[in-house]
Amino acid sequence: MGHPGGVERGLWLRCRGVADSIPLPEPFGIRALTDSLARLRGRPIELVPLSGPAHSPCGVLISTDRADYIGYAVDTTALHQQHIVLHEIGHLLCRHTGDGARLAEDVREALTPRLSGELVRRVLGRSAYTHRQEREAELVASLALHRVLRRQRPSVVGQLAEGVLRLGSGLGGWRARGAVRHG
């Protein structure tokens, strides 16, 4: 898959390299992904579910001396949650730094029990990044999620074909030979 028009080649290549370096577990799961990344980086990554008003950020990355915390919205679909976490992982792997943006009260409350006594090195909420950093993190997340979905697609197609064959055999011995096409 080449880079789409409108995305400069350097940005595309950088993000593609970062996305391709993410060790996507099989089967894919966000917790398995963050556990794998934490082991590779030698540094804990903790997922923090966040709920709050519509104006709250849907994702946040907070790095402390002890760990990296990724907050993600719970009031959305599982696919969107995966994208949010991958977006924040994109910021983490691209080594983006923010300006210490102020967190919304609900986000701060959700994180406070986990952060008490820790020195926060950086707080990276969506509004704290430069436009380029946001584009990079978004592209990394999209490319990584595309890899996940592309990998899952063959198994979904295979399961569907298997289901059609079972259905056919249950309908009086109808044979589906040639009825299921791949490609």
C-alpha atoms as a PDB file:
ATOM      1  CA  MET A   1       0.000   0.000   0.000  1.00  0.00           C
ATOM      2  CA  GLY A   2       1.616   3.275  -1.106  1.00  0.00           C
ATOM      3  CA  HIS A   3       1.240   6.578   0.608  1.00  0.00           C
ATOM      4  CA  PRO A   4      -2.028   8.383  -0.078  1.00  0.00           C
ATOM      5  CA  GLY A   5      -2.041  11.724  -1.858  1.00  0.00           C
ATOM      6  CA  GLY A   6      -1.857  14.607   0.569  1.00  0.00           C
ATOM      7  CA  VAL A   7       0.489  12.820   2.968  1.00  0.00           C
ATOM      8  CA  GLU A   8       4.061  13.842   2.373  1.00  0.00           C
ATOM      9  CA  ARG A   9       6.426  10.998   1.581  1.00  0.00           C
ATOM     10  CA  GLY A  10       8.783  11.559   4.547  1.00  0.00           C
ATOM     11  CA  LEU A  11       5.903  11.531   7.026  1.00  0.00           C
ATOM     12  CA  TRP A  12       4.431   8.434   5.404  1.00  0.00           C
ATOM     13  CA  LEU A  13       7.736   6.531   5.457  1.00  0.00           C
ATOM     14  CA  ARG A  14       8.464   7.444   9.080  1.00  0.00           C
ATOM     15  CA  CYS A  15       4.994   6.430  10.230  1.00  0.00           C
ATOM     16  CA  ARG A  16       5.035   3.253   8.169  1.00  0.00           C
ATOM     17  CA  GLY A  17       8.316   2.262   9.810  1.00  0.00           C
ATOM     18  CA  VAL A  18       6.969   2.945  13.300  1.00  0.00           C
ATOM     19  CA  ALA A  19       3.681   1.118  12.606  1.00  0.00           C
ATOM     20  CA  ASP A  20       5.514  -1.869  11.115  1.00  0.00           C
ATOM     21  CA  SER A  21       7.738  -2.057  14.217  1.00  0.00           C
ATOM     22  CA  ILE A  22       4.768  -2.506  16.556  1.00  0.00           C
ATOM     23  CA  PRO A  23       4.707  -6.166  17.630  1.00  0.00           C
ATOM     24  CA  LEU A  24       1.035  -6.995  17.066  1.00  0.00           C
ATOM     25  CA  PRO A  25       0.051 -10.044  19.124  1.00  0.00           C
ATOM     26  CA  GLU A  26      -1.942 -12.924  17.637  1.00  0.00           C
ATOM     27  CA  PRO A  27      -4.785 -12.876  18.438  1.00  0.00           C
ATOM     28  CA  PHE A  28      -4.803  -9.107  18.650  1.00  0.00           C
ATOM     29  CA  GLY A  29      -5.744  -7.483  21.926  1.00  0.00           C
ATOM     30  CA  ILE A  30      -4.846  -4.089  23.348  1.00  0.00           C
ATOM     31  CA  ARG A  31      -3.762  -5.493  26.717  1.00  0.00           C
ATOM     32  CA  ALA A  32      -1.541  -8.110  25.034  1.00  0.00           C
ATOM     33  CA  LEU A  33      -0.083  -5.360  22.830  1.00  0.00           C
ATOM     34  CA  THR A  34       0.744  -3.014  25.708  1.00  0.00           C
ATOM     35  CA  ASP A  35       2.201  -5.906  27.759  1.00  0.00           C
ATOM     36  CA  SER A  36       4.429  -6.863  24.807  1.00  0.00           C
ATOM     37  CA  LEU A  37       5.545  -3.261  24.244  1.00  0.00           C
ATOM     38  CA  ALA A  38       6.253  -2.837  27.958  1.00  0.00           C
ATOM     39  CA  ARG A  39       8.503  -5.915  27.941  1.00  0.00           C
ATOM     40  CA  LEU A  40      10.351  -4.722  24.834  1.00  0.00           C
ATOM     41  CA  ARG A  41      10.829  -1.218  26.228  1.00  0.00           C
ATOM     42  CA  GLY A  42      11.643  -2.392  29.766  1.00  0.00           C
ATOM     43  CA  ARG A  43       9.045   0.022  31.102  1.00  0.00           C
ATOM     44  CA  PRO A  44       5.451  -0.567  32.274  1.00  0.00           C
ATOM     45  CA  ILE A  45       2.513   0.696  30.227  1.00  0.00           C
ATOM     46  CA  GLU A  46      -0.764   0.916  32.095  1.00  0.00           C
ATOM     47  CA  LEU A  47      -4.157   1.291  30.454  1.00  0.00           C
ATOM     48  CA  VAL A  48      -6.579   3.646  32.179  1.00  0.00           C
ATOM     49  CA  PRO A  49     -10.247   3.607  31.129  1.00  0.00           C
ATOM     50  CA  LEU A  50     -11.703   7.117  31.082  1.00  0.00           C
ATOM     51  CA  SER A  51     -15.275   8.301  30.987  1.00  0.00           C
ATOM     52  CA  GLY A  52     -16.361  11.881  30.890  1.00  0.00           C
ATOM     53  CA  PRO A  53     -18.175  14.598  29.040  1.00  0.00           C
ATOM     54  CA  ALA A  54     -18.044  14.836  25.256  1.00  0.00           C
ATOM     55  CA  HIS A  55     -15.460  17.648  25.364  1.00  0.00           C
ATOM     56  CA  SER A  56     -12.934  15.476  27.222  1.00  0.00           C
ATOM     57  CA  PRO A  57     -10.020  14.081  25.230  1.00  0.00           C
ATOM     58  CA  CYS A  58     -10.662  10.535  24.019  1.00  0.00           C
ATOM     59  CA  GLY A  59      -7.034   9.625  24.664  1.00  0.00           C
ATOM     60  CA  VAL A  60      -4.181  10.795  26.825  1.00  0.00           C
ATOM     61  CA  LEU A  61      -0.588   9.709  27.397  1.00  0.00           C
ATOM     62  CA  ILE A  62       1.120  10.468  30.688  1.00  0.00           C
ATOM     63  CA  SER A  63       4.726   9.473  31.282  1.00  0.00           C
ATOM     64  CA  THR A  64       6.116   9.327  34.799  1.00  0.00           C
ATOM     65  CA  ASP A  65       9.431   8.194  36.208  1.00  0.00           C
ATOM     66  CA  ARG A  66       7.830   4.780  36.838  1.00  0.00           C
ATOM     67  CA  ALA A  67       5.532   4.066  33.883  1.00  0.00           C
ATOM     68  CA  ASP A  68       3.591   5.294  30.878  1.00  0.00           C
ATOM     69  CA  TYR A  69      -0.162   5.605  31.322  1.00  0.00           C
ATOM     70  CA  ILE A  70      -2.517   5.501  28.369  1.00  0.00           C
ATOM     71  CA  GLY A  71      -5.997   6.778  29.081  1.00  0.00           C
ATOM     72  CA  TYR A  72      -8.712   5.850  26.603  1.00  0.00           C
ATOM     73  CA  ALA A  73     -12.423   6.605  26.334  1.00  0.00           C
ATOM     74  CA  VAL A  74     -14.747   3.818  27.457  1.00  0.00           C
ATOM     75  CA  ASP A  75     -17.883   5.424  26.044  1.00  0.00           C
ATOM     76  CA  THR A  76     -17.136   4.311  22.479  1.00  0.00           C
ATOM     77  CA  THR A  77     -16.816   1.173  20.363  1.00  0.00           C
ATOM     78  CA  ALA A  78     -14.107  -1.441  20.881  1.00  0.00           C
ATOM     79  CA  LEU A  79     -12.629  -0.590  17.463  1.00  0.00           C
ATOM     80  CA  HIS A  80     -12.438   3.105  18.373  1.00  0.00           C
ATOM     81  CA  GLN A  81     -10.818   2.207  21.716  1.00  0.00           C
ATOM     82  CA  GLN A  82      -8.184   0.207  19.846  1.00  0.00           C
ATOM     83  CA  HIS A  83      -7.540   3.163  17.561  1.00  0.00           C
ATOM     84  CA  ILE A  84      -7.262   5.551  20.539  1.00  0.00           C
ATOM     85  CA  VAL A  85      -4.713   3.328  22.302  1.00  0.00           C
ATOM     86  CA  LEU A  86      -2.749   2.823  19.076  1.00  0.00           C
ATOM     87  CA  HIS A  87      -2.774   6.609  18.555  1.00  0.00           C
ATOM     88  CA  GLU A  88      -1.258   7.143  22.016  1.00  0.00           C
ATOM     89  CA  ILE A  89       1.254   4.332  21.347  1.00  0.00           C
ATOM     90  CA  GLY A  90       2.113   6.229  18.160  1.00  0.00           C
ATOM     91  CA  HIS A  91       2.947   9.305  20.255  1.00  0.00           C
ATOM     92  CA  LEU A  92       4.981   7.137  22.619  1.00  0.00           C
ATOM     93  CA  LEU A  93       6.987   5.369  19.900  1.00  0.00           C
ATOM     94  CA  CYS A  94       7.533   8.579  17.931  1.00  0.00           C
ATOM     95  CA  ARG A  95       8.861  10.126  21.180  1.00  0.00           C
ATOM     96  CA  HIS A  96       6.528  13.087  20.958  1.00  0.00           C
ATOM     97  CA  THR A  97       6.606  15.587  23.761  1.00  0.00           C
ATOM     98  CA  GLY A  98       3.806  17.908  24.734  1.00  0.00           C
ATOM     99  CA  ASP A  99       3.686  21.229  26.481  1.00  0.00           C
ATOM    100  CA  GLY A 100       2.361  19.868  29.786  1.00  0.00           C
ATOM    101  CA  ALA A 101      -1.237  20.545  28.801  1.00  0.00           C
ATOM    102  CA  ARG A 102      -3.769  20.852  31.559  1.00  0.00           C
ATOM    103  CA  LEU A 103      -5.947  17.799  31.875  1.00  0.00           C
ATOM    104  CA  ALA A 104      -9.698  17.943  32.149  1.00  0.00           C
ATOM    105  CA  GLU A 105     -10.912  17.433  35.728  1.00  0.00           C
ATOM    106  CA  ASP A 106     -12.481  14.018  34.980  1.00  0.00           C
ATOM    107  CA  VAL A 107      -9.251  12.741  33.399  1.00  0.00           C
ATOM    108  CA  ARG A 108      -7.183  14.016  36.330  1.00  0.00           C
ATOM    109  CA  GLU A 109      -9.534  12.308  38.825  1.00  0.00           C
ATOM    110  CA  ALA A 110      -9.328   8.971  36.999  1.00  0.00           C
ATOM    111  CA  LEU A 111      -5.534   9.085  36.949  1.00  0.00           C
ATOM    112  CA  THR A 112      -4.819  10.507  40.416  1.00  0.00           C
ATOM    113  CA  PRO A 113      -4.921   7.188  42.317  1.00  0.00           C
ATOM    114  CA  ARG A 114      -2.331   5.730  39.953  1.00  0.00           C
ATOM    115  CA  LEU A 115      -0.086   8.790  39.890  1.00  0.00           C
ATOM    116  CA  SER A 116       0.080   9.719  43.566  1.00  0.00           C
ATOM    117  CA  GLY A 117       3.677  10.298  44.595  1.00  0.00           C
ATOM    118  CA  GLU A 118       5.041   9.953  41.066  1.00  0.00           C
ATOM    119  CA  LEU A 119       6.866  12.635  39.178  1.00  0.00           C
ATOM    120  CA  VAL A 120       5.037  13.278  35.942  1.00  0.00           C
ATOM    121  CA  ARG A 121       7.619  13.800  33.203  1.00  0.00           C
ATOM    122  CA  ARG A 122       5.165  14.686  30.505  1.00  0.00           C
ATOM    123  CA  VAL A 123       1.459  14.930  30.019  1.00  0.00           C
ATOM    124  CA  LEU A 124       0.348  14.421  26.479  1.00  0.00           C
ATOM    125  CA  GLY A 125      -3.290  15.175  25.830  1.00  0.00           C
ATOM    126  CA  ARG A 126      -4.605  15.614  22.316  1.00  0.00           C
ATOM    127  CA  SER A 127      -4.398  19.394  22.558  1.00  0.00           C
ATOM    128  CA  ALA A 128      -0.744  19.371  23.637  1.00  0.00           C
ATOM    129  CA  TYR A 129       0.800  18.235  20.361  1.00  0.00           C
ATOM    130  CA  THR A 130       1.863  20.049  17.268  1.00  0.00           C
ATOM    131  CA  HIS A 131      -0.211  19.448  14.163  1.00  0.00           C
ATOM    132  CA  ARG A 132       2.578  17.280  12.690  1.00  0.00           C
ATOM    133  CA  GLN A 133       2.786  15.144  15.842  1.00  0.00           C
ATOM    134  CA  GLU A 134      -0.976  14.566  15.695  1.00  0.00           C
ATOM    135  CA  ARG A 135      -0.744  13.591  12.030  1.00  0.00           C
ATOM    136  CA  GLU A 136       2.092  11.160  12.820  1.00  0.00           C
ATOM    137  CA  ALA A 137       0.288   9.508  15.724  1.00  0.00           C
ATOM    138  CA  GLU A 138      -2.941   9.257  13.727  1.00  0.00           C
ATOM    139  CA  LEU A 139      -1.158   7.729  10.744  1.00  0.00           C
ATOM    140  CA  VAL A 140       0.764   5.256  12.946  1.00  0.00           C
ATOM    141  CA  ALA A 141      -2.513   4.187  14.584  1.00  0.00           C
ATOM    142  CA  SER A 142      -4.302   3.819  11.247  1.00  0.00           C
ATOM    143  CA  LEU A 143      -1.473   1.818   9.673  1.00  0.00           C
ATOM    144  CA  ALA A 144      -1.153  -0.493  12.695  1.00  0.00           C
ATOM    145  CA  LEU A 145      -4.904  -1.053  12.868  1.00  0.00           C
ATOM    146  CA  HIS A 146      -4.918  -1.751   9.134  1.00  0.00           C
ATOM    147  CA  ARG A 147      -2.316  -4.476   9.748  1.00  0.00           C
ATOM    148  CA  VAL A 148      -4.532  -5.983  12.466  1.00  0.00           C
ATOM    149  CA  LEU A 149      -7.649  -5.950  10.298  1.00  0.00           C
ATOM    150  CA  ARG A 150      -5.803  -7.275   7.242  1.00  0.00           C
ATOM    151  CA  ARG A 151      -4.506 -10.188   9.323  1.00  0.00           C
ATOM    152  CA  GLN A 152      -7.947 -10.957  10.765  1.00  0.00           C
ATOM    153  CA  ARG A 153      -9.726 -10.770   7.429  1.00  0.00           C
ATOM    154  CA  PRO A 154      -8.535 -14.139   6.034  1.00  0.00           C
ATOM    155  CA  SER A 155      -9.727 -15.945   9.168  1.00  0.00           C
ATOM    156  CA  VAL A 156     -13.111 -14.221   8.978  1.00  0.00           C
ATOM    157  CA  VAL A 157     -13.446 -15.212   5.312  1.00  0.00           C
ATOM    158  CA  GLY A 158     -12.400 -18.778   6.191  1.00  0.00           C
ATOM    159  CA  GLN A 159     -14.935 -18.947   9.021  1.00  0.00           C
ATOM    160  CA  LEU A 160     -17.652 -17.683   6.702  1.00  0.00           C
ATOM    161  CA  ALA A 161     -16.767 -20.272   4.036  1.00  0.00           C
ATOM    162  CA  GLU A 162     -16.731 -23.020   6.668  1.00  0.00           C
ATOM    163  CA  GLY A 163     -20.149 -21.868   7.913  1.00  0.00           C
ATOM    164  CA  VAL A 164     -21.557 -21.946   4.374  1.00  0.00           C
ATOM    165  CA  LEU A 165     -20.239 -25.496   3.898  1.00  0.00           C
ATOM    166  CA  ARG A 166     -21.776 -26.613   7.205  1.00  0.00           C
ATOM    167  CA  LEU A 167     -25.077 -24.977   6.274  1.00  0.00           C
ATOM    168  CA  GLY A 168     -25.017 -26.702   2.892  1.00  0.00           C
ATOM    169  CA  SER A 169     -24.317 -30.112   4.385  1.00  0.00           C
ATOM    170  CA  GLY A 170     -27.177 -29.573   6.824  1.00  0.00           C
ATOM    171  CA  LEU A 171     -29.589 -28.920   3.944  1.00  0.00           C
ATOM    172  CA  GLY A 172     -29.846 -32.470   2.666  1.00  0.00           C
ATOM    173  CA  GLY A 173     -26.323 -33.040   1.493  1.00  0.00           C
ATOM    174  CA  TRP A 174     -26.005 -30.031  -0.848  1.00  0.00           C
ATOM    175  CA  ARG A 175     -22.382 -29.778  -1.857  1.00  0.00           C
ATOM    176  CA  ALA A 176     -20.831 -26.352  -1.975  1.00  0.00           C
ATOM    177  CA  ARG A 177     -17.941 -27.387  -4.206  1.00  0.00           C
ATOM    178  CA  GLY A 178     -17.177 -24.412  -6.377  1.00  0.00           C
ATOM    179  CA  ALA A 179     -19.840 -22.315  -4.640  1.00  0.00           C
ATOM    180  CA  VAL A 180     -17.384 -20.498  -2.418  1.00  0.00           C
ATOM    181  CA  ARG A 181     -14.910 -18.339  -4.275  1.00  0.00           C
ATOM    182  CA  HIS A 182     -11.807 -16.812  -2.814  1.00  0.00           C
ATOM    183  CA  GLY A 183     -10.265 -13.780  -4.262  1.00  0.00           C
END
